[in-house]
Amino acid sequence: MTRAEKVWDLYTRCVRANDSVLFHDHGRVLKRVFRQPGQVQGIAVVTKLTLTDVLKSWEWVYQKTADRRDDDEDAAATYKEIAQQIEALWDRGADDLSQQSDKVIDLLAEHLLVDIPRANRKRT
């Protein structure tokens, strides 16, 4: 997979994980919705994918795949360790996914682009 493909897949995963906050408008334009307290509708503004978005996505992926792991202290430690690795490698001066190093992109691809099991529908 090329760097461009990984970055696009990471954007897509982060949009899914940050549903109702991030979305792709007109194909590849990333937008963030800002809402005023008490308002239903928000204002969509062109944005970049930040460390905060990525960490929230990692939390979402981890929770979605938790049923594959044992619920123990090792799993929680692994979650924290990977979050710390992401934070340590992230270039905060360029707080934008597209500006991060190949090492960061590879780390994120390894942990965020995993298969997520679909929820089973309840049959009535």
C-alpha atoms as a PDB file:
ATOM      1  CA  MET A   1       0.000   0.000   0.000  1.00  0.00           C
ATOM      2  CA  THR A   2       1.414   3.425  -0.908  1.00  0.00           C
ATOM      3  CA  ARG A   3       1.715   6.320   1.510  1.00  0.00           C
ATOM      4  CA  ALA A   4      -1.117   8.154  -0.284  1.00  0.00           C
ATOM      5  CA  GLU A   5      -3.392   5.107   0.043  1.00  0.00           C
ATOM      6  CA  LYS A   6      -2.569   4.743   3.743  1.00  0.00           C
ATOM      7  CA  VAL A   7      -3.218   8.437   4.377  1.00  0.00           C
ATOM      8  CA  TRP A   8      -6.563   8.287   2.547  1.00  0.00           C
ATOM      9  CA  ASP A   9      -7.601   5.149   4.435  1.00  0.00           C
ATOM     10  CA  LEU A  10      -6.583   6.795   7.724  1.00  0.00           C
ATOM     11  CA  TYR A  11      -8.649   9.878   6.860  1.00  0.00           C
ATOM     12  CA  THR A  12     -11.613   7.642   6.081  1.00  0.00           C
ATOM     13  CA  ARG A  13     -11.223   5.679   9.324  1.00  0.00           C
ATOM     14  CA  CYS A  14     -10.910   8.868  11.381  1.00  0.00           C
ATOM     15  CA  VAL A  15     -14.014  10.348   9.761  1.00  0.00           C
ATOM     16  CA  ARG A  16     -15.929   7.196  10.636  1.00  0.00           C
ATOM     17  CA  ALA A  17     -14.613   7.208  14.207  1.00  0.00           C
ATOM     18  CA  ASN A  18     -15.405  10.913  14.656  1.00  0.00           C
ATOM     19  CA  ASP A  19     -18.902  10.643  13.186  1.00  0.00           C
ATOM     20  CA  SER A  20     -20.934  13.854  13.283  1.00  0.00           C
ATOM     21  CA  VAL A  21     -17.787  15.915  13.883  1.00  0.00           C
ATOM     22  CA  LEU A  22     -15.697  15.177  10.765  1.00  0.00           C
ATOM     23  CA  PHE A  23     -16.911  14.469   7.250  1.00  0.00           C
ATOM     24  CA  HIS A  24     -15.719  14.489   3.659  1.00  0.00           C
ATOM     25  CA  ASP A  25     -17.426  17.111   1.547  1.00  0.00           C
ATOM     26  CA  HIS A  26     -17.184  16.990  -2.237  1.00  0.00           C
ATOM     27  CA  GLY A  27     -14.972  13.925  -2.183  1.00  0.00           C
ATOM     28  CA  ARG A  28     -11.707  14.739  -0.459  1.00  0.00           C
ATOM     29  CA  VAL A  29     -12.392  18.010   1.370  1.00  0.00           C
ATOM     30  CA  LEU A  30     -12.238  17.315   5.095  1.00  0.00           C
ATOM     31  CA  LYS A  31     -14.595  19.413   7.188  1.00  0.00           C
ATOM     32  CA  ARG A  32     -15.262  19.733  10.901  1.00  0.00           C
ATOM     33  CA  VAL A  33     -18.649  20.667  12.328  1.00  0.00           C
ATOM     34  CA  PHE A  34     -18.667  23.288  15.071  1.00  0.00           C
ATOM     35  CA  ARG A  35     -21.864  23.572  17.099  1.00  0.00           C
ATOM     36  CA  GLN A  36     -22.886  26.305  19.496  1.00  0.00           C
ATOM     37  CA  PRO A  37     -24.267  25.043  22.815  1.00  0.00           C
ATOM     38  CA  GLY A  38     -27.966  24.360  22.479  1.00  0.00           C
ATOM     39  CA  GLN A  39     -27.885  24.453  18.664  1.00  0.00           C
ATOM     40  CA  VAL A  40     -28.844  21.439  16.563  1.00  0.00           C
ATOM     41  CA  GLN A  41     -27.090  22.522  13.401  1.00  0.00           C
ATOM     42  CA  GLY A  42     -23.480  23.506  13.259  1.00  0.00           C
ATOM     43  CA  ILE A  43     -21.119  25.247  10.917  1.00  0.00           C
ATOM     44  CA  ALA A  44     -18.878  23.107   8.708  1.00  0.00           C
ATOM     45  CA  VAL A  45     -15.352  24.441   8.291  1.00  0.00           C
ATOM     46  CA  VAL A  46     -12.497  23.063   6.195  1.00  0.00           C
ATOM     47  CA  THR A  47     -10.050  21.439   8.608  1.00  0.00           C
ATOM     48  CA  LYS A  48      -7.084  19.166   9.012  1.00  0.00           C
ATOM     49  CA  LEU A  49      -6.835  15.841  10.812  1.00  0.00           C
ATOM     50  CA  THR A  50      -5.147  16.498  14.164  1.00  0.00           C
ATOM     51  CA  LEU A  51      -3.541  14.391  16.864  1.00  0.00           C
ATOM     52  CA  THR A  52      -6.720  14.691  18.923  1.00  0.00           C
ATOM     53  CA  ASP A  53      -8.758  13.214  16.049  1.00  0.00           C
ATOM     54  CA  VAL A  54      -6.277  10.384  15.615  1.00  0.00           C
ATOM     55  CA  LEU A  55      -6.228   9.532  19.320  1.00  0.00           C
ATOM     56  CA  LYS A  56     -10.026   9.527  19.418  1.00  0.00           C
ATOM     57  CA  SER A  57      -9.973   7.214  16.393  1.00  0.00           C
ATOM     58  CA  TRP A  58      -7.493   4.896  18.130  1.00  0.00           C
ATOM     59  CA  GLU A  59      -9.821   4.746  21.142  1.00  0.00           C
ATOM     60  CA  TRP A  60     -12.771   3.968  18.828  1.00  0.00           C
ATOM     61  CA  VAL A  61     -10.859   1.220  16.974  1.00  0.00           C
ATOM     62  CA  TYR A  62      -9.669  -0.254  20.248  1.00  0.00           C
ATOM     63  CA  GLN A  63     -13.207  -0.384  21.649  1.00  0.00           C
ATOM     64  CA  LYS A  64     -14.583  -1.889  18.438  1.00  0.00           C
ATOM     65  CA  THR A  65     -11.975  -4.654  18.467  1.00  0.00           C
ATOM     66  CA  ALA A  66     -11.935  -5.246  22.240  1.00  0.00           C
ATOM     67  CA  ASP A  67     -14.072  -8.378  21.951  1.00  0.00           C
ATOM     68  CA  ARG A  68     -11.156 -10.040  20.142  1.00  0.00           C
ATOM     69  CA  ARG A  69      -8.912  -9.565  23.175  1.00  0.00           C
ATOM     70  CA  ASP A  70      -9.014 -10.772  26.712  1.00  0.00           C
ATOM     71  CA  ASP A  71     -10.380  -8.199  29.124  1.00  0.00           C
ATOM     72  CA  ASP A  72      -7.350  -7.851  31.309  1.00  0.00           C
ATOM     73  CA  GLU A  73      -4.714  -5.424  32.412  1.00  0.00           C
ATOM     74  CA  ASP A  74      -2.420  -6.351  29.504  1.00  0.00           C
ATOM     75  CA  ALA A  75      -5.015  -5.147  26.980  1.00  0.00           C
ATOM     76  CA  ALA A  76      -5.409  -1.816  28.783  1.00  0.00           C
ATOM     77  CA  ALA A  77      -1.641  -1.435  28.956  1.00  0.00           C
ATOM     78  CA  THR A  78      -1.374  -2.130  25.227  1.00  0.00           C
ATOM     79  CA  TYR A  79      -3.978   0.544  24.482  1.00  0.00           C
ATOM     80  CA  LYS A  80      -2.086   3.122  26.544  1.00  0.00           C
ATOM     81  CA  GLU A  81       1.291   2.111  25.098  1.00  0.00           C
ATOM     82  CA  ILE A  82       0.134   2.565  21.516  1.00  0.00           C
ATOM     83  CA  ALA A  83      -1.512   5.895  22.344  1.00  0.00           C
ATOM     84  CA  GLN A  84       1.762   7.025  23.905  1.00  0.00           C
ATOM     85  CA  GLN A  85       3.728   5.885  20.836  1.00  0.00           C
ATOM     86  CA  ILE A  86       1.418   7.895  18.583  1.00  0.00           C
ATOM     87  CA  GLU A  87       1.789  10.986  20.784  1.00  0.00           C
ATOM     88  CA  ALA A  88       5.573  10.631  21.003  1.00  0.00           C
ATOM     89  CA  LEU A  89       6.073  10.335  17.236  1.00  0.00           C
ATOM     90  CA  TRP A  90       3.488  12.958  16.204  1.00  0.00           C
ATOM     91  CA  ASP A  91       4.964  16.245  14.964  1.00  0.00           C
ATOM     92  CA  ARG A  92       2.903  18.756  16.928  1.00  0.00           C
ATOM     93  CA  GLY A  93       4.355  21.660  14.957  1.00  0.00           C
ATOM     94  CA  ALA A  94       2.589  20.279  11.900  1.00  0.00           C
ATOM     95  CA  ASP A  95      -0.530  19.023  13.668  1.00  0.00           C
ATOM     96  CA  ASP A  96      -1.909  17.531  10.471  1.00  0.00           C
ATOM     97  CA  LEU A  97      -1.945  13.881   9.433  1.00  0.00           C
ATOM     98  CA  SER A  98      -0.788  14.644   5.897  1.00  0.00           C
ATOM     99  CA  GLN A  99       2.343  16.360   7.271  1.00  0.00           C
ATOM    100  CA  GLN A 100       3.458  13.478   9.479  1.00  0.00           C
ATOM    101  CA  SER A 101       6.462  11.231   8.840  1.00  0.00           C
ATOM    102  CA  ASP A 102       6.277   7.867   7.124  1.00  0.00           C
ATOM    103  CA  LYS A 103       7.005   6.263  10.502  1.00  0.00           C
ATOM    104  CA  VAL A 104       3.871   7.838  12.001  1.00  0.00           C
ATOM    105  CA  ILE A 105       1.751   6.910   8.975  1.00  0.00           C
ATOM    106  CA  ASP A 106       2.974   3.301   9.149  1.00  0.00           C
ATOM    107  CA  LEU A 107       2.281   3.092  12.904  1.00  0.00           C
ATOM    108  CA  LEU A 108      -1.223   4.500  12.454  1.00  0.00           C
ATOM    109  CA  ALA A 109      -1.945   2.217   9.504  1.00  0.00           C
ATOM    110  CA  GLU A 110      -0.850  -0.799  11.531  1.00  0.00           C
ATOM    111  CA  HIS A 111      -3.173  -0.013  14.431  1.00  0.00           C
ATOM    112  CA  LEU A 112      -6.071   1.985  12.972  1.00  0.00           C
ATOM    113  CA  LEU A 113      -6.641   0.152   9.702  1.00  0.00           C
ATOM    114  CA  VAL A 114      -7.554  -3.193  11.230  1.00  0.00           C
ATOM    115  CA  ASP A 115     -10.699  -5.074  10.333  1.00  0.00           C
ATOM    116  CA  ILE A 116     -13.591  -4.125  12.564  1.00  0.00           C
ATOM    117  CA  PRO A 117     -16.240  -6.793  13.028  1.00  0.00           C
ATOM    118  CA  ARG A 118     -19.742  -5.818  12.060  1.00  0.00           C
ATOM    119  CA  ALA A 119     -22.402  -5.916  14.724  1.00  0.00           C
ATOM    120  CA  ASN A 120     -24.826  -8.791  14.382  1.00  0.00           C
ATOM    121  CA  ARG A 121     -28.366  -7.712  13.716  1.00  0.00           C
ATOM    122  CA  LYS A 122     -30.993  -8.836  16.152  1.00  0.00           C
ATOM    123  CA  ARG A 123     -33.595 -10.940  14.467  1.00  0.00           C
ATOM    124  CA  THR A 124     -37.140 -10.544  15.600  1.00  0.00           C
END
